[in-house]
Amino acid sequence: MTTRFRFLPTVALLGALAAPACASGAVVYRSEPPRGYGVEAERIAHDNGFRDGRDAGEKDARKGRSFSMERHDDWRDADDGYRRNFGDKEFYRREFREGFRAGYSEAYNRFAHRR
């Protein structure tokens, strides 16, 4: 008779895992990549953003423009290099902007002092 109840905790756990995490349908924002997204796509997004930001920052500094990432389409769109198989586009866009911010700041500060 005890063998019949031996699997009850396992069945209860599986039932809890199968239940929806958020029944209200609310959007949950994450600070880490969604499951299965992959570190490779995160690195690509950051690198693409850094490269675009570096080019934009250097151009702005050489032309004597003020420091402003928001004026650039690449910053606003933040999807350069995105591919569907990367997964969540919003995560890609956040990571792209982090890279853009780093590249823009580095290049702008380096070239603004040379004028």
PDB file of N, CA and C in Angstrom:
ATOM      1  N   MET A   1       0.803  -1.181   0.000  1.00  0.00           N
ATOM      2  CA  MET A   1       0.000   0.000   0.000  1.00  0.00           C
ATOM      3  C   MET A   1       0.856   1.260   0.000  1.00  0.00           C
ATOM      4  N   THR A   2       2.027   1.246   0.571  1.00  0.00           N
ATOM      5  CA  THR A   2       2.889   2.420   0.603  1.00  0.00           C
ATOM      6  C   THR A   2       3.490   2.713  -0.760  1.00  0.00           C
ATOM      7  N   THR A   3       3.626   1.713  -1.624  1.00  0.00           N
ATOM      8  CA  THR A   3       4.199   1.962  -2.946  1.00  0.00           C
ATOM      9  C   THR A   3       3.258   2.804  -3.803  1.00  0.00           C
ATOM     10  N   ARG A   4       1.975   2.743  -3.551  1.00  0.00           N
ATOM     11  CA  ARG A   4       1.023   3.518  -4.320  1.00  0.00           C
ATOM     12  C   ARG A   4       1.186   5.022  -4.054  1.00  0.00           C
ATOM     13  N   PHE A   5       1.563   5.410  -2.866  1.00  0.00           N
ATOM     14  CA  PHE A   5       1.716   6.815  -2.499  1.00  0.00           C
ATOM     15  C   PHE A   5       3.150   7.310  -2.624  1.00  0.00           C
ATOM     16  N   ARG A   6       4.063   6.433  -2.969  1.00  0.00           N
ATOM     17  CA  ARG A   6       5.465   6.794  -3.074  1.00  0.00           C
ATOM     18  C   ARG A   6       5.700   7.825  -4.187  1.00  0.00           C
ATOM     19  N   PHE A   7       4.942   7.790  -5.258  1.00  0.00           N
ATOM     20  CA  PHE A   7       5.126   8.687  -6.389  1.00  0.00           C
ATOM     21  C   PHE A   7       4.259   9.948  -6.317  1.00  0.00           C
ATOM     22  N   LEU A   8       3.432  10.082  -5.300  1.00  0.00           N
ATOM     23  CA  LEU A   8       2.540  11.223  -5.170  1.00  0.00           C
ATOM     24  C   LEU A   8       3.289  12.555  -5.134  1.00  0.00           C
ATOM     25  N   PRO A   9       4.387  12.716  -4.362  1.00  0.00           N
ATOM     26  CA  PRO A   9       5.106  13.994  -4.388  1.00  0.00           C
ATOM     27  C   PRO A   9       5.663  14.329  -5.772  1.00  0.00           C
ATOM     28  N   THR A  10       6.117  13.330  -6.495  1.00  0.00           N
ATOM     29  CA  THR A  10       6.643  13.555  -7.839  1.00  0.00           C
ATOM     30  C   THR A  10       5.541  14.017  -8.782  1.00  0.00           C
ATOM     31  N   VAL A  11       4.373  13.403  -8.696  1.00  0.00           N
ATOM     32  CA  VAL A  11       3.249  13.780  -9.535  1.00  0.00           C
ATOM     33  C   VAL A  11       2.801  15.202  -9.204  1.00  0.00           C
ATOM     34  N   ALA A  12       2.765  15.541  -7.927  1.00  0.00           N
ATOM     35  CA  ALA A  12       2.368  16.895  -7.518  1.00  0.00           C
ATOM     36  C   ALA A  12       3.355  17.927  -8.047  1.00  0.00           C
ATOM     37  N   LEU A  13       4.637  17.625  -7.990  1.00  0.00           N
ATOM     38  CA  LEU A  13       5.658  18.544  -8.488  1.00  0.00           C
ATOM     39  C   LEU A  13       5.527  18.748  -9.987  1.00  0.00           C
ATOM     40  N   LEU A  14       5.317  17.669 -10.719  1.00  0.00           N
ATOM     41  CA  LEU A  14       5.150  17.786 -12.169  1.00  0.00           C
ATOM     42  C   LEU A  14       3.907  18.601 -12.517  1.00  0.00           C
ATOM     43  N   GLY A  15       2.847  18.447 -11.755  1.00  0.00           N
ATOM     44  CA  GLY A  15       1.639  19.225 -11.984  1.00  0.00           C
ATOM     45  C   GLY A  15       1.880  20.708 -11.744  1.00  0.00           C
ATOM     46  N   ALA A  16       2.660  21.027 -10.724  1.00  0.00           N
ATOM     47  CA  ALA A  16       2.968  22.432 -10.430  1.00  0.00           C
ATOM     48  C   ALA A  16       3.844  23.037 -11.520  1.00  0.00           C
ATOM     49  N   LEU A  17       4.762  22.262 -12.062  1.00  0.00           N
ATOM     50  CA  LEU A  17       5.633  22.768 -13.124  1.00  0.00           C
ATOM     51  C   LEU A  17       4.882  22.973 -14.431  1.00  0.00           C
ATOM     52  N   ALA A  18       3.855  22.192 -14.660  1.00  0.00           N
ATOM     53  CA  ALA A  18       3.101  22.291 -15.900  1.00  0.00           C
ATOM     54  C   ALA A  18       2.099  23.445 -15.866  1.00  0.00           C
ATOM     55  N   ALA A  19       1.775  23.945 -14.681  1.00  0.00           N
ATOM     56  CA  ALA A  19       0.815  25.043 -14.559  1.00  0.00           C
ATOM     57  C   ALA A  19       1.425  26.325 -15.113  1.00  0.00           C
ATOM     58  N   PRO A  20       0.609  27.205 -15.682  1.00  0.00           N
ATOM     59  CA  PRO A  20       1.136  28.459 -16.216  1.00  0.00           C
ATOM     60  C   PRO A  20       1.718  29.322 -15.105  1.00  0.00           C
ATOM     61  N   ALA A  21       2.824  29.961 -15.407  1.00  0.00           N
ATOM     62  CA  ALA A  21       3.506  30.779 -14.403  1.00  0.00           C
ATOM     63  C   ALA A  21       2.742  32.053 -14.111  1.00  0.00           C
ATOM     64  N   CYS A  22       2.061  32.579 -15.089  1.00  0.00           N
ATOM     65  CA  CYS A  22       1.352  33.838 -14.910  1.00  0.00           C
ATOM     66  C   CYS A  22       0.013  33.732 -15.618  1.00  0.00           C
ATOM     67  N   ALA A  23      -1.026  33.457 -14.872  1.00  0.00           N
ATOM     68  CA  ALA A  23      -2.338  33.248 -15.468  1.00  0.00           C
ATOM     69  C   ALA A  23      -2.972  34.541 -15.953  1.00  0.00           C
ATOM     70  N   SER A  24      -2.491  35.690 -15.481  1.00  0.00           N
ATOM     71  CA  SER A  24      -3.099  36.968 -15.865  1.00  0.00           C
ATOM     72  C   SER A  24      -2.727  37.385 -17.274  1.00  0.00           C
ATOM     73  N   GLY A  25      -1.683  36.805 -17.853  1.00  0.00           N
ATOM     74  CA  GLY A  25      -1.250  37.182 -19.193  1.00  0.00           C
ATOM     75  C   GLY A  25      -0.389  38.436 -19.212  1.00  0.00           C
ATOM     76  N   ALA A  26       0.055  38.890 -18.056  1.00  0.00           N
ATOM     77  CA  ALA A  26       0.879  40.093 -17.980  1.00  0.00           C
ATOM     78  C   ALA A  26       2.242  39.835 -18.612  1.00  0.00           C
ATOM     79  N   VAL A  27       2.820  40.878 -19.156  1.00  0.00           N
ATOM     80  CA  VAL A  27       4.129  40.788 -19.776  1.00  0.00           C
ATOM     81  C   VAL A  27       5.192  40.823 -18.675  1.00  0.00           C
ATOM     82  N   VAL A  28       6.132  39.901 -18.743  1.00  0.00           N
ATOM     83  CA  VAL A  28       7.208  39.838 -17.764  1.00  0.00           C
ATOM     84  C   VAL A  28       8.497  40.254 -18.455  1.00  0.00           C
ATOM     85  N   TYR A  29       9.154  41.277 -17.924  1.00  0.00           N
ATOM     86  CA  TYR A  29      10.409  41.738 -18.494  1.00  0.00           C
ATOM     87  C   TYR A  29      11.555  41.071 -17.761  1.00  0.00           C
ATOM     88  N   ARG A  30      12.550  40.643 -18.512  1.00  0.00           N
ATOM     89  CA  ARG A  30      13.671  39.904 -17.947  1.00  0.00           C
ATOM     90  C   ARG A  30      14.951  40.698 -18.106  1.00  0.00           C
ATOM     91  N   SER A  31      15.857  40.480 -17.180  1.00  0.00           N
ATOM     92  CA  SER A  31      17.165  41.109 -17.303  1.00  0.00           C
ATOM     93  C   SER A  31      18.186  40.133 -17.870  1.00  0.00           C
ATOM     94  N   GLU A  32      17.806  38.875 -18.000  1.00  0.00           N
ATOM     95  CA  GLU A  32      18.701  37.878 -18.586  1.00  0.00           C
ATOM     96  C   GLU A  32      18.049  37.308 -19.838  1.00  0.00           C
ATOM     97  N   PRO A  33      18.839  36.686 -20.692  1.00  0.00           N
ATOM     98  CA  PRO A  33      18.259  36.152 -21.921  1.00  0.00           C
ATOM     99  C   PRO A  33      17.240  35.057 -21.625  1.00  0.00           C
ATOM    100  N   PRO A  34      16.163  34.991 -22.393  1.00  0.00           N
ATOM    101  CA  PRO A  34      15.197  33.915 -22.213  1.00  0.00           C
ATOM    102  C   PRO A  34      15.846  32.559 -22.459  1.00  0.00           C
ATOM    103  N   ARG A  35      15.262  31.528 -21.899  1.00  0.00           N
ATOM    104  CA  ARG A  35      15.798  30.178 -22.037  1.00  0.00           C
ATOM    105  C   ARG A  35      15.959  29.824 -23.506  1.00  0.00           C
ATOM    106  N   GLY A  36      17.117  29.278 -23.870  1.00  0.00           N
ATOM    107  CA  GLY A  36      17.365  28.861 -25.230  1.00  0.00           C
ATOM    108  C   GLY A  36      17.867  29.984 -26.122  1.00  0.00           C
ATOM    109  N   TYR A  37      17.974  31.181 -25.601  1.00  0.00           N
ATOM    110  CA  TYR A  37      18.384  32.325 -26.425  1.00  0.00           C
ATOM    111  C   TYR A  37      19.845  32.220 -26.790  1.00  0.00           C
ATOM    112  N   GLY A  38      20.672  31.919 -25.841  1.00  0.00           N
ATOM    113  CA  GLY A  38      22.078  31.698 -26.117  1.00  0.00           C
ATOM    114  C   GLY A  38      22.958  32.910 -25.919  1.00  0.00           C
ATOM    115  N   VAL A  39      24.101  32.647 -25.367  1.00  0.00           N
ATOM    116  CA  VAL A  39      25.088  33.686 -25.120  1.00  0.00           C
ATOM    117  C   VAL A  39      25.635  34.223 -26.432  1.00  0.00           C
ATOM    118  N   GLU A  40      25.666  33.409 -27.460  1.00  0.00           N
ATOM    119  CA  GLU A  40      26.210  33.829 -28.747  1.00  0.00           C
ATOM    120  C   GLU A  40      25.404  34.986 -29.331  1.00  0.00           C
ATOM    121  N   ALA A  41      24.086  34.905 -29.295  1.00  0.00           N
ATOM    122  CA  ALA A  41      23.236  35.988 -29.826  1.00  0.00           C
ATOM    123  C   ALA A  41      23.418  37.251 -28.994  1.00  0.00           C
ATOM    124  N   GLU A  42      23.583  37.105 -27.694  1.00  0.00           N
ATOM    125  CA  GLU A  42      23.817  38.261 -26.815  1.00  0.00           C
ATOM    126  C   GLU A  42      25.123  38.946 -27.183  1.00  0.00           C
ATOM    127  N   ARG A  43      26.160  38.167 -27.415  1.00  0.00           N
ATOM    128  CA  ARG A  43      27.465  38.722 -27.787  1.00  0.00           C
ATOM    129  C   ARG A  43      27.396  39.419 -29.138  1.00  0.00           C
ATOM    130  N   ILE A  44      26.689  38.813 -30.076  1.00  0.00           N
ATOM    131  CA  ILE A  44      26.545  39.408 -31.406  1.00  0.00           C
ATOM    132  C   ILE A  44      25.822  40.750 -31.311  1.00  0.00           C
ATOM    133  N   ALA A  45      24.747  40.802 -30.538  1.00  0.00           N
ATOM    134  CA  ALA A  45      23.999  42.056 -30.369  1.00  0.00           C
ATOM    135  C   ALA A  45      24.895  43.137 -29.783  1.00  0.00           C
ATOM    136  N   HIS A  46      25.639  42.792 -28.750  1.00  0.00           N
ATOM    137  CA  HIS A  46      26.524  43.762 -28.105  1.00  0.00           C
ATOM    138  C   HIS A  46      27.615  44.236 -29.076  1.00  0.00           C
ATOM    139  N   ASP A  47      28.230  43.304 -29.763  1.00  0.00           N
ATOM    140  CA  ASP A  47      29.297  43.656 -30.715  1.00  0.00           C
ATOM    141  C   ASP A  47      28.779  44.537 -31.851  1.00  0.00           C
ATOM    142  N   ASN A  48      27.604  44.203 -32.388  1.00  0.00           N
ATOM    143  CA  ASN A  48      27.026  45.022 -33.453  1.00  0.00           C
ATOM    144  C   ASN A  48      26.725  46.425 -32.957  1.00  0.00           C
ATOM    145  N   GLY A  49      26.172  46.514 -31.762  1.00  0.00           N
ATOM    146  CA  GLY A  49      25.884  47.819 -31.185  1.00  0.00           C
ATOM    147  C   GLY A  49      27.150  48.609 -30.914  1.00  0.00           C
ATOM    148  N   PHE A  50      28.166  47.940 -30.395  1.00  0.00           N
ATOM    149  CA  PHE A  50      29.426  48.614 -30.102  1.00  0.00           C
ATOM    150  C   PHE A  50      30.044  49.183 -31.376  1.00  0.00           C
ATOM    151  N   ARG A  51      30.062  48.387 -32.414  1.00  0.00           N
ATOM    152  CA  ARG A  51      30.652  48.809 -33.685  1.00  0.00           C
ATOM    153  C   ARG A  51      29.894  50.007 -34.272  1.00  0.00           C
ATOM    154  N   ASP A  52      28.562  49.931 -34.293  1.00  0.00           N
ATOM    155  CA  ASP A  52      27.769  51.045 -34.815  1.00  0.00           C
ATOM    156  C   ASP A  52      27.920  52.285 -33.936  1.00  0.00           C
ATOM    157  N   GLY A  53      27.942  52.089 -32.637  1.00  0.00           N
ATOM    158  CA  GLY A  53      28.108  53.211 -31.718  1.00  0.00           C
ATOM    159  C   GLY A  53      29.475  53.863 -31.840  1.00  0.00           C
ATOM    160  N   ARG A  54      30.496  53.057 -32.007  1.00  0.00           N
ATOM    161  CA  ARG A  54      31.852  53.588 -32.178  1.00  0.00           C
ATOM    162  C   ARG A  54      31.943  54.453 -33.430  1.00  0.00           C
ATOM    163  N   ASP A  55      31.353  53.984 -34.518  1.00  0.00           N
ATOM    164  CA  ASP A  55      31.374  54.757 -35.760  1.00  0.00           C
ATOM    165  C   ASP A  55      30.602  56.072 -35.601  1.00  0.00           C
ATOM    166  N   ALA A  56      29.439  56.003 -34.964  1.00  0.00           N
ATOM    167  CA  ALA A  56      28.622  57.206 -34.776  1.00  0.00           C
ATOM    168  C   ALA A  56      29.297  58.191 -33.830  1.00  0.00           C
ATOM    169  N   GLY A  57      29.903  57.687 -32.754  1.00  0.00           N
ATOM    170  CA  GLY A  57      30.577  58.562 -31.796  1.00  0.00           C
ATOM    171  C   GLY A  57      31.770  59.262 -32.406  1.00  0.00           C
ATOM    172  N   GLU A  58      32.544  58.543 -33.197  1.00  0.00           N
ATOM    173  CA  GLU A  58      33.697  59.155 -33.862  1.00  0.00           C
ATOM    174  C   GLU A  58      33.240  60.228 -34.843  1.00  0.00           C
ATOM    175  N   LYS A  59      32.221  59.921 -35.624  1.00  0.00           N
ATOM    176  CA  LYS A  59      31.714  60.884 -36.612  1.00  0.00           C
ATOM    177  C   LYS A  59      31.202  62.157 -35.923  1.00  0.00           C
ATOM    178  N   ASP A  60      30.434  61.989 -34.841  1.00  0.00           N
ATOM    179  CA  ASP A  60      29.914  63.157 -34.125  1.00  0.00           C
ATOM    180  C   ASP A  60      31.036  63.999 -33.531  1.00  0.00           C
ATOM    181  N   ALA A  61      32.026  63.358 -32.942  1.00  0.00           N
ATOM    182  CA  ALA A  61      33.133  64.089 -32.327  1.00  0.00           C
ATOM    183  C   ALA A  61      33.951  64.832 -33.376  1.00  0.00           C
ATOM    184  N   ARG A  62      34.228  64.195 -34.484  1.00  0.00           N
ATOM    185  CA  ARG A  62      35.024  64.840 -35.538  1.00  0.00           C
ATOM    186  C   ARG A  62      34.289  66.030 -36.166  1.00  0.00           C
ATOM    187  N   LYS A  63      32.963  65.961 -36.203  1.00  0.00           N
ATOM    188  CA  LYS A  63      32.180  67.062 -36.769  1.00  0.00           C
ATOM    189  C   LYS A  63      31.847  68.140 -35.737  1.00  0.00           C
ATOM    190  N   GLY A  64      32.263  67.938 -34.499  1.00  0.00           N
ATOM    191  CA  GLY A  64      32.018  68.925 -33.450  1.00  0.00           C
ATOM    192  C   GLY A  64      30.587  68.930 -32.937  1.00  0.00           C
ATOM    193  N   ARG A  65      29.862  67.846 -33.143  1.00  0.00           N
ATOM    194  CA  ARG A  65      28.488  67.749 -32.651  1.00  0.00           C
ATOM    195  C   ARG A  65      28.481  67.455 -31.155  1.00  0.00           C
ATOM    196  N   SER A  66      27.359  67.737 -30.535  1.00  0.00           N
ATOM    197  CA  SER A  66      27.211  67.427 -29.112  1.00  0.00           C
ATOM    198  C   SER A  66      27.078  65.912 -28.919  1.00  0.00           C
ATOM    199  N   PHE A  67      27.331  65.469 -27.708  1.00  0.00           N
ATOM    200  CA  PHE A  67      27.229  64.062 -27.343  1.00  0.00           C
ATOM    201  C   PHE A  67      25.747  63.684 -27.290  1.00  0.00           C
ATOM    202  N   SER A  68      25.296  62.864 -28.226  1.00  0.00           N
ATOM    203  CA  SER A  68      23.892  62.461 -28.251  1.00  0.00           C
ATOM    204  C   SER A  68      23.715  61.199 -29.083  1.00  0.00           C
ATOM    205  N   MET A  69      23.500  60.102 -28.411  1.00  0.00           N
ATOM    206  CA  MET A  69      23.273  58.829 -29.097  1.00  0.00           C
ATOM    207  C   MET A  69      21.894  58.779 -29.731  1.00  0.00           C
ATOM    208  N   GLU A  70      20.928  59.461 -29.106  1.00  0.00           N
ATOM    209  CA  GLU A  70      19.533  59.367 -29.524  1.00  0.00           C
ATOM    210  C   GLU A  70      19.274  59.907 -30.924  1.00  0.00           C
ATOM    211  N   ARG A  71      20.183  60.701 -31.457  1.00  0.00           N
ATOM    212  CA  ARG A  71      19.960  61.267 -32.797  1.00  0.00           C
ATOM    213  C   ARG A  71      20.170  60.238 -33.899  1.00  0.00           C
ATOM    214  N   HIS A  72      20.730  59.103 -33.576  1.00  0.00           N
ATOM    215  CA  HIS A  72      21.099  58.107 -34.582  1.00  0.00           C
ATOM    216  C   HIS A  72      20.014  57.049 -34.762  1.00  0.00           C
ATOM    217  N   ASP A  73      19.727  56.740 -36.024  1.00  0.00           N
ATOM    218  CA  ASP A  73      18.736  55.706 -36.342  1.00  0.00           C
ATOM    219  C   ASP A  73      19.143  54.348 -35.790  1.00  0.00           C
ATOM    220  N   ASP A  74      20.438  54.054 -35.836  1.00  0.00           N
ATOM    221  CA  ASP A  74      20.906  52.758 -35.320  1.00  0.00           C
ATOM    222  C   ASP A  74      20.570  52.614 -33.836  1.00  0.00           C
ATOM    223  N   TRP A  75      20.666  53.688 -33.086  1.00  0.00           N
ATOM    224  CA  TRP A  75      20.318  53.662 -31.662  1.00  0.00           C
ATOM    225  C   TRP A  75      18.816  53.443 -31.487  1.00  0.00           C
ATOM    226  N   ARG A  76      18.031  54.187 -32.248  1.00  0.00           N
ATOM    227  CA  ARG A  76      16.575  54.091 -32.102  1.00  0.00           C
ATOM    228  C   ARG A  76      16.051  52.728 -32.546  1.00  0.00           C
ATOM    229  N   ASP A  77      16.539  52.230 -33.678  1.00  0.00           N
ATOM    230  CA  ASP A  77      16.067  50.934 -34.180  1.00  0.00           C
ATOM    231  C   ASP A  77      16.638  49.777 -33.370  1.00  0.00           C
ATOM    232  N   ALA A  78      17.927  49.833 -33.118  1.00  0.00           N
ATOM    233  CA  ALA A  78      18.647  48.832 -32.316  1.00  0.00           C
ATOM    234  C   ALA A  78      18.431  47.405 -32.794  1.00  0.00           C
ATOM    235  N   ASP A  79      18.339  47.221 -34.105  1.00  0.00           N
ATOM    236  CA  ASP A  79      18.126  45.863 -34.613  1.00  0.00           C
ATOM    237  C   ASP A  79      19.092  45.486 -35.729  1.00  0.00           C
ATOM    238  N   ASP A  80      20.138  46.260 -35.899  1.00  0.00           N
ATOM    239  CA  ASP A  80      21.126  45.965 -36.934  1.00  0.00           C
ATOM    240  C   ASP A  80      21.764  44.609 -36.655  1.00  0.00           C
ATOM    241  N   GLY A  81      21.679  43.713 -37.608  1.00  0.00           N
ATOM    242  CA  GLY A  81      22.266  42.387 -37.463  1.00  0.00           C
ATOM    243  C   GLY A  81      21.354  41.364 -36.820  1.00  0.00           C
ATOM    244  N   TYR A  82      20.150  41.771 -36.418  1.00  0.00           N
ATOM    245  CA  TYR A  82      19.229  40.823 -35.786  1.00  0.00           C
ATOM    246  C   TYR A  82      18.753  39.790 -36.796  1.00  0.00           C
ATOM    247  N   ARG A  83      18.701  38.528 -36.346  1.00  0.00           N
ATOM    248  CA  ARG A  83      18.132  37.446 -37.149  1.00  0.00           C
ATOM    249  C   ARG A  83      17.077  36.732 -36.305  1.00  0.00           C
ATOM    250  N   ARG A  84      16.085  36.266 -36.954  1.00  0.00           N
ATOM    251  CA  ARG A  84      14.953  35.645 -36.270  1.00  0.00           C
ATOM    252  C   ARG A  84      15.366  34.506 -35.335  1.00  0.00           C
ATOM    253  N   ASN A  85      16.366  33.752 -35.737  1.00  0.00           N
ATOM    254  CA  ASN A  85      16.777  32.616 -34.908  1.00  0.00           C
ATOM    255  C   ASN A  85      17.481  33.050 -33.624  1.00  0.00           C
ATOM    256  N   PHE A  86      17.725  34.361 -33.446  1.00  0.00           N
ATOM    257  CA  PHE A  86      18.305  34.856 -32.196  1.00  0.00           C
ATOM    258  C   PHE A  86      17.292  34.836 -31.066  1.00  0.00           C
ATOM    259  N   GLY A  87      16.013  34.786 -31.388  1.00  0.00           N
ATOM    260  CA  GLY A  87      14.993  34.748 -30.344  1.00  0.00           C
ATOM    261  C   GLY A  87      14.368  36.113 -30.110  1.00  0.00           C
ATOM    262  N   ASP A  88      14.160  36.436 -28.860  1.00  0.00           N
ATOM    263  CA  ASP A  88      13.461  37.645 -28.432  1.00  0.00           C
ATOM    264  C   ASP A  88      14.128  38.918 -28.965  1.00  0.00           C
ATOM    265  N   LYS A  89      13.415  39.646 -29.797  1.00  0.00           N
ATOM    266  CA  LYS A  89      13.974  40.846 -30.425  1.00  0.00           C
ATOM    267  C   LYS A  89      14.191  41.964 -29.404  1.00  0.00           C
ATOM    268  N   GLU A  90      13.326  42.066 -28.418  1.00  0.00           N
ATOM    269  CA  GLU A  90      13.486  43.120 -27.406  1.00  0.00           C
ATOM    270  C   GLU A  90      14.743  42.899 -26.577  1.00  0.00           C
ATOM    271  N   PHE A  91      15.074  41.655 -26.276  1.00  0.00           N
ATOM    272  CA  PHE A  91      16.322  41.391 -25.564  1.00  0.00           C
ATOM    273  C   PHE A  91      17.507  41.784 -26.441  1.00  0.00           C
ATOM    274  N   TYR A  92      17.446  41.449 -27.718  1.00  0.00           N
ATOM    275  CA  TYR A  92      18.506  41.824 -28.656  1.00  0.00           C
ATOM    276  C   TYR A  92      18.671  43.344 -28.671  1.00  0.00           C
ATOM    277  N   ARG A  93      17.552  44.056 -28.736  1.00  0.00           N
ATOM    278  CA  ARG A  93      17.601  45.517 -28.796  1.00  0.00           C
ATOM    279  C   ARG A  93      18.227  46.105 -27.533  1.00  0.00           C
ATOM    280  N   ARG A  94      17.902  45.578 -26.360  1.00  0.00           N
ATOM    281  CA  ARG A  94      18.506  46.083 -25.107  1.00  0.00           C
ATOM    282  C   ARG A  94      20.012  45.864 -25.109  1.00  0.00           C
ATOM    283  N   GLU A  95      20.435  44.683 -25.527  1.00  0.00           N
ATOM    284  CA  GLU A  95      21.871  44.390 -25.531  1.00  0.00           C
ATOM    285  C   GLU A  95      22.592  45.200 -26.605  1.00  0.00           C
ATOM    286  N   PHE A  96      21.954  45.393 -27.765  1.00  0.00           N
ATOM    287  CA  PHE A  96      22.520  46.217 -28.825  1.00  0.00           C
ATOM    288  C   PHE A  96      22.759  47.633 -28.297  1.00  0.00           C
ATOM    289  N   ARG A  97      21.784  48.185 -27.600  1.00  0.00           N
ATOM    290  CA  ARG A  97      21.924  49.550 -27.070  1.00  0.00           C
ATOM    291  C   ARG A  97      23.020  49.646 -26.016  1.00  0.00           C
ATOM    292  N   GLU A  98      23.187  48.613 -25.222  1.00  0.00           N
ATOM    293  CA  GLU A  98      24.296  48.614 -24.254  1.00  0.00           C
ATOM    294  C   GLU A  98      25.637  48.698 -24.986  1.00  0.00           C
ATOM    295  N   GLY A  99      25.770  47.911 -26.032  1.00  0.00           N
ATOM    296  CA  GLY A  99      26.990  47.954 -26.830  1.00  0.00           C
ATOM    297  C   GLY A  99      27.151  49.295 -27.527  1.00  0.00           C
ATOM    298  N   PHE A 100      26.070  49.833 -28.078  1.00  0.00           N
ATOM    299  CA  PHE A 100      26.114  51.122 -28.770  1.00  0.00           C
ATOM    300  C   PHE A 100      26.576  52.210 -27.796  1.00  0.00           C
ATOM    301  N   ARG A 101      25.999  52.205 -26.595  1.00  0.00           N
ATOM    302  CA  ARG A 101      26.359  53.204 -25.585  1.00  0.00           C
ATOM    303  C   ARG A 101      27.858  53.141 -25.263  1.00  0.00           C
ATOM    304  N   ALA A 102      28.375  51.940 -25.100  1.00  0.00           N
ATOM    305  CA  ALA A 102      29.791  51.776 -24.774  1.00  0.00           C
ATOM    306  C   ALA A 102      30.678  52.233 -25.932  1.00  0.00           C
ATOM    307  N   GLY A 103      30.364  51.834 -27.143  1.00  0.00           N
ATOM    308  CA  GLY A 103      31.166  52.214 -28.299  1.00  0.00           C
ATOM    309  C   GLY A 103      31.100  53.698 -28.588  1.00  0.00           C
ATOM    310  N   TYR A 104      29.918  54.273 -28.494  1.00  0.00           N
ATOM    311  CA  TYR A 104      29.734  55.700 -28.757  1.00  0.00           C
ATOM    312  C   TYR A 104      30.528  56.528 -27.746  1.00  0.00           C
ATOM    313  N   SER A 105      30.382  56.199 -26.473  1.00  0.00           N
ATOM    314  CA  SER A 105      31.079  56.949 -25.420  1.00  0.00           C
ATOM    315  C   SER A 105      32.586  56.883 -25.591  1.00  0.00           C
ATOM    316  N   GLU A 106      33.079  55.688 -25.842  1.00  0.00           N
ATOM    317  CA  GLU A 106      34.525  55.504 -25.995  1.00  0.00           C
ATOM    318  C   GLU A 106      35.069  56.329 -27.168  1.00  0.00           C
ATOM    319  N   ALA A 107      34.428  56.220 -28.321  1.00  0.00           N
ATOM    320  CA  ALA A 107      34.913  56.923 -29.514  1.00  0.00           C
ATOM    321  C   ALA A 107      34.724  58.429 -29.400  1.00  0.00           C
ATOM    322  N   TYR A 108      33.590  58.852 -28.891  1.00  0.00           N
ATOM    323  CA  TYR A 108      33.339  60.292 -28.775  1.00  0.00           C
ATOM    324  C   TYR A 108      34.373  60.941 -27.855  1.00  0.00           C
ATOM    325  N   ASN A 109      34.603  60.324 -26.715  1.00  0.00           N
ATOM    326  CA  ASN A 109      35.578  60.873 -25.763  1.00  0.00           C
ATOM    327  C   ASN A 109      36.997  60.861 -26.320  1.00  0.00           C
ATOM    328  N   ARG A 110      37.338  59.871 -27.114  1.00  0.00           N
ATOM    329  CA  ARG A 110      38.671  59.797 -27.688  1.00  0.00           C
ATOM    330  C   ARG A 110      38.889  60.870 -28.749  1.00  0.00           C
ATOM    331  N   PHE A 111      37.906  61.067 -29.623  1.00  0.00           N
ATOM    332  CA  PHE A 111      38.084  61.977 -30.752  1.00  0.00           C
ATOM    333  C   PHE A 111      37.646  63.412 -30.478  1.00  0.00           C
ATOM    334  N   ALA A 112      36.844  63.648 -29.469  1.00  0.00           N
ATOM    335  CA  ALA A 112      36.407  65.010 -29.166  1.00  0.00           C
ATOM    336  C   ALA A 112      37.564  65.856 -28.660  1.00  0.00           C
ATOM    337  N   HIS A 113      38.532  65.247 -28.029  1.00  0.00           N
ATOM    338  CA  HIS A 113      39.685  65.985 -27.485  1.00  0.00           C
ATOM    339  C   HIS A 113      40.738  66.279 -28.528  1.00  0.00           C
ATOM    340  N   ARG A 114      40.627  65.717 -29.701  1.00  0.00           N
ATOM    341  CA  ARG A 114      41.637  65.895 -30.749  1.00  0.00           C
ATOM    342  C   ARG A 114      41.314  67.071 -31.673  1.00  0.00           C
ATOM    343  N   ARG A 115      40.160  67.632 -31.522  1.00  0.00           N
ATOM    344  CA  ARG A 115      39.776  68.744 -32.406  1.00  0.00           C
ATOM    345  C   ARG A 115      40.561  69.987 -32.111  1.00  0.00           C
TER     346      ARG A 115
END
